[in-house]
Amino acid sequence: MLAIAYPGENIPDSDLLKFPHIDKVVHFGLFAVLGTLLVNGFRKKRGGGSLHSKELMLCIAMGIVFGVVTEYFQYCCLSDRHGNVPDAMANGFGTIFGVIVSAQLFRKMFDFQEKNEPD
């Protein structure tokens, strides 16, 4: 939450930041990581294994709500930051991507471990 309140003028200038829509790529990437962390957290709470679809949907919903809330907070409460709908969409798509990819990877790892366990 602290990072979203960081003043925009304090972010160092870079040629990389001149790439068109780089902020959307950053939003997508950060929220993909969040989606992965949510899935991993739910897995650890369950003791490992694959998650059920309800748990995956909860991970997605939590990430999307957090993304929308952060953008709304920037829009209404910060004078030097500007929340907007495209950023919120990038947050949501990043969350969905992170949840789906990490759930698939964890499922494959779990299946692999089950197949290779000694009988």
C-alpha atoms as a PDB file:
ATOM      1  CA  MET A   1       0.000   0.000   0.000  1.00  0.00           C
ATOM      2  CA  LEU A   2       2.906   2.285   0.715  1.00  0.00           C
ATOM      3  CA  ALA A   3       4.232   1.982  -2.837  1.00  0.00           C
ATOM      4  CA  ILE A   4       1.016   3.305  -4.380  1.00  0.00           C
ATOM      5  CA  ALA A   5       1.307   6.482  -2.319  1.00  0.00           C
ATOM      6  CA  TYR A   6       4.893   7.104  -3.474  1.00  0.00           C
ATOM      7  CA  PRO A   7       4.989  10.497  -5.223  1.00  0.00           C
ATOM      8  CA  GLY A   8       5.247  10.137  -8.990  1.00  0.00           C
ATOM      9  CA  GLU A   9       7.834  12.882  -9.341  1.00  0.00           C
ATOM     10  CA  ASN A  10      10.192  10.904  -7.080  1.00  0.00           C
ATOM     11  CA  ILE A  11      10.353   7.985  -9.509  1.00  0.00           C
ATOM     12  CA  PRO A  12      13.696   8.218 -11.345  1.00  0.00           C
ATOM     13  CA  ASP A  13      13.542   9.067 -15.036  1.00  0.00           C
ATOM     14  CA  SER A  14      14.719   6.314 -17.372  1.00  0.00           C
ATOM     15  CA  ASP A  15      14.621   5.513 -21.085  1.00  0.00           C
ATOM     16  CA  LEU A  16      12.800   2.292 -20.185  1.00  0.00           C
ATOM     17  CA  LEU A  17       9.994   4.362 -18.674  1.00  0.00           C
ATOM     18  CA  LYS A  18       9.510   6.088 -22.043  1.00  0.00           C
ATOM     19  CA  PHE A  19       8.191   2.809 -23.534  1.00  0.00           C
ATOM     20  CA  PRO A  20       4.502   3.344 -24.446  1.00  0.00           C
ATOM     21  CA  HIS A  21       2.144   2.067 -21.747  1.00  0.00           C
ATOM     22  CA  ILE A  22       5.004   0.733 -19.610  1.00  0.00           C
ATOM     23  CA  ASP A  23       2.948   1.546 -16.527  1.00  0.00           C
ATOM     24  CA  LYS A  24       0.307  -0.978 -17.628  1.00  0.00           C
ATOM     25  CA  VAL A  25       3.007  -3.632 -18.059  1.00  0.00           C
ATOM     26  CA  VAL A  26       4.289  -2.856 -14.559  1.00  0.00           C
ATOM     27  CA  HIS A  27       0.770  -3.040 -13.104  1.00  0.00           C
ATOM     28  CA  PHE A  28       0.156  -6.348 -14.886  1.00  0.00           C
ATOM     29  CA  GLY A  29       3.460  -7.805 -13.659  1.00  0.00           C
ATOM     30  CA  LEU A  30       3.051  -6.704 -10.051  1.00  0.00           C
ATOM     31  CA  PHE A  31      -0.456  -8.094  -9.837  1.00  0.00           C
ATOM     32  CA  ALA A  32       0.614 -11.336 -11.554  1.00  0.00           C
ATOM     33  CA  VAL A  33       3.071 -11.730  -8.674  1.00  0.00           C
ATOM     34  CA  LEU A  34       0.258 -10.959  -6.227  1.00  0.00           C
ATOM     35  CA  GLY A  35      -1.909 -13.652  -7.861  1.00  0.00           C
ATOM     36  CA  THR A  36       0.926 -16.158  -7.523  1.00  0.00           C
ATOM     37  CA  LEU A  37       1.445 -15.248  -3.867  1.00  0.00           C
ATOM     38  CA  LEU A  38      -2.269 -15.609  -3.158  1.00  0.00           C
ATOM     39  CA  VAL A  39      -2.359 -19.080  -4.726  1.00  0.00           C
ATOM     40  CA  ASN A  40       0.746 -20.137  -2.829  1.00  0.00           C
ATOM     41  CA  GLY A  41      -0.700 -18.803   0.421  1.00  0.00           C
ATOM     42  CA  PHE A  42      -3.920 -20.758  -0.040  1.00  0.00           C
ATOM     43  CA  ARG A  43      -1.902 -23.879  -0.933  1.00  0.00           C
ATOM     44  CA  LYS A  44       0.179 -23.578   2.232  1.00  0.00           C
ATOM     45  CA  LYS A  45      -2.964 -23.063   4.317  1.00  0.00           C
ATOM     46  CA  ARG A  46      -4.370 -26.308   2.895  1.00  0.00           C
ATOM     47  CA  GLY A  47      -1.114 -28.185   3.413  1.00  0.00           C
ATOM     48  CA  GLY A  48      -0.152 -28.311  -0.285  1.00  0.00           C
ATOM     49  CA  GLY A  49      -1.728 -29.809  -3.358  1.00  0.00           C
ATOM     50  CA  SER A  50      -4.005 -28.232  -5.929  1.00  0.00           C
ATOM     51  CA  LEU A  51      -6.633 -25.634  -5.137  1.00  0.00           C
ATOM     52  CA  HIS A  52     -10.329 -26.033  -5.819  1.00  0.00           C
ATOM     53  CA  SER A  53     -12.017 -23.679  -8.262  1.00  0.00           C
ATOM     54  CA  LYS A  54     -13.725 -21.768  -5.408  1.00  0.00           C
ATOM     55  CA  GLU A  55     -10.335 -21.047  -3.862  1.00  0.00           C
ATOM     56  CA  LEU A  56      -8.943 -19.909  -7.208  1.00  0.00           C
ATOM     57  CA  MET A  57     -11.927 -17.629  -7.737  1.00  0.00           C
ATOM     58  CA  LEU A  58     -11.392 -16.187  -4.241  1.00  0.00           C
ATOM     59  CA  CYS A  59      -7.739 -15.473  -5.112  1.00  0.00           C
ATOM     60  CA  ILE A  60      -8.848 -13.703  -8.294  1.00  0.00           C
ATOM     61  CA  ALA A  61     -11.553 -11.743  -6.475  1.00  0.00           C
ATOM     62  CA  MET A  62      -9.136 -10.654  -3.738  1.00  0.00           C
ATOM     63  CA  GLY A  63      -6.578  -9.447  -6.286  1.00  0.00           C
ATOM     64  CA  ILE A  64      -9.144  -7.585  -8.365  1.00  0.00           C
ATOM     65  CA  VAL A  65     -10.695  -5.902  -5.328  1.00  0.00           C
ATOM     66  CA  PHE A  66      -7.249  -4.876  -4.084  1.00  0.00           C
ATOM     67  CA  GLY A  67      -6.379  -3.499  -7.537  1.00  0.00           C
ATOM     68  CA  VAL A  68      -9.580  -1.476  -7.759  1.00  0.00           C
ATOM     69  CA  VAL A  69      -9.218  -0.175  -4.203  1.00  0.00           C
ATOM     70  CA  THR A  70      -5.636   0.964  -4.816  1.00  0.00           C
ATOM     71  CA  GLU A  71      -6.656   2.816  -7.969  1.00  0.00           C
ATOM     72  CA  TYR A  72      -9.614   4.412  -6.205  1.00  0.00           C
ATOM     73  CA  PHE A  73      -7.338   5.445  -3.319  1.00  0.00           C
ATOM     74  CA  GLN A  74      -4.950   7.073  -5.797  1.00  0.00           C
ATOM     75  CA  TYR A  75      -7.856   8.795  -7.565  1.00  0.00           C
ATOM     76  CA  CYS A  76      -9.599  10.259  -4.534  1.00  0.00           C
ATOM     77  CA  CYS A  77      -6.965  10.617  -1.844  1.00  0.00           C
ATOM     78  CA  LEU A  78      -3.608  11.461  -3.419  1.00  0.00           C
ATOM     79  CA  SER A  79      -2.898  14.748  -5.150  1.00  0.00           C
ATOM     80  CA  ASP A  80       0.239  13.627  -6.977  1.00  0.00           C
ATOM     81  CA  ARG A  81      -0.966  10.162  -8.071  1.00  0.00           C
ATOM     82  CA  HIS A  82      -3.799   9.452 -10.500  1.00  0.00           C
ATOM     83  CA  GLY A  83      -5.798   6.254 -10.350  1.00  0.00           C
ATOM     84  CA  ASN A  84      -7.631   5.245 -13.498  1.00  0.00           C
ATOM     85  CA  VAL A  85      -9.690   2.462 -15.032  1.00  0.00           C
ATOM     86  CA  PRO A  86      -6.999   1.164 -17.449  1.00  0.00           C
ATOM     87  CA  ASP A  87      -4.608   0.699 -14.514  1.00  0.00           C
ATOM     88  CA  ALA A  88      -7.326  -1.142 -12.578  1.00  0.00           C
ATOM     89  CA  MET A  89      -7.906  -3.363 -15.622  1.00  0.00           C
ATOM     90  CA  ALA A  90      -4.175  -4.112 -15.897  1.00  0.00           C
ATOM     91  CA  ASN A  91      -4.224  -5.007 -12.195  1.00  0.00           C
ATOM     92  CA  GLY A  92      -7.136  -7.373 -12.720  1.00  0.00           C
ATOM     93  CA  PHE A  93      -5.710  -9.048 -15.811  1.00  0.00           C
ATOM     94  CA  GLY A  94      -2.362  -9.443 -14.047  1.00  0.00           C
ATOM     95  CA  THR A  95      -4.067 -11.095 -11.082  1.00  0.00           C
ATOM     96  CA  ILE A  96      -6.004 -13.480 -13.322  1.00  0.00           C
ATOM     97  CA  PHE A  97      -2.848 -14.376 -15.247  1.00  0.00           C
ATOM     98  CA  GLY A  98      -0.834 -14.960 -12.067  1.00  0.00           C
ATOM     99  CA  VAL A  99      -3.530 -17.122 -10.489  1.00  0.00           C
ATOM    100  CA  ILE A 100      -4.082 -19.263 -13.583  1.00  0.00           C
ATOM    101  CA  VAL A 101      -0.410 -19.779 -14.427  1.00  0.00           C
ATOM    102  CA  SER A 102       0.680 -20.481 -10.859  1.00  0.00           C
ATOM    103  CA  ALA A 103      -2.269 -22.830 -10.227  1.00  0.00           C
ATOM    104  CA  GLN A 104      -1.327 -24.800 -13.355  1.00  0.00           C
ATOM    105  CA  LEU A 105       2.346 -24.936 -12.365  1.00  0.00           C
ATOM    106  CA  PHE A 106       1.552 -26.032  -8.808  1.00  0.00           C
ATOM    107  CA  ARG A 107      -0.874 -28.659 -10.157  1.00  0.00           C
ATOM    108  CA  LYS A 108       1.809 -30.063 -12.474  1.00  0.00           C
ATOM    109  CA  MET A 109       4.338 -30.094  -9.621  1.00  0.00           C
ATOM    110  CA  PHE A 110       1.846 -31.850  -7.338  1.00  0.00           C
ATOM    111  CA  ASP A 111       0.999 -34.445 -10.021  1.00  0.00           C
ATOM    112  CA  PHE A 112       4.710 -35.020 -10.671  1.00  0.00           C
ATOM    113  CA  GLN A 113       5.402 -35.533  -6.959  1.00  0.00           C
ATOM    114  CA  GLU A 114       2.499 -37.989  -6.624  1.00  0.00           C
ATOM    115  CA  LYS A 115       3.685 -40.045  -9.620  1.00  0.00           C
ATOM    116  CA  ASN A 116       7.252 -40.204  -8.321  1.00  0.00           C
ATOM    117  CA  GLU A 117       6.503 -41.125  -4.713  1.00  0.00           C
ATOM    118  CA  PRO A 118       7.794 -44.561  -3.778  1.00  0.00           C
ATOM    119  CA  ASP A 119       5.033 -47.113  -3.129  1.00  0.00           C
END
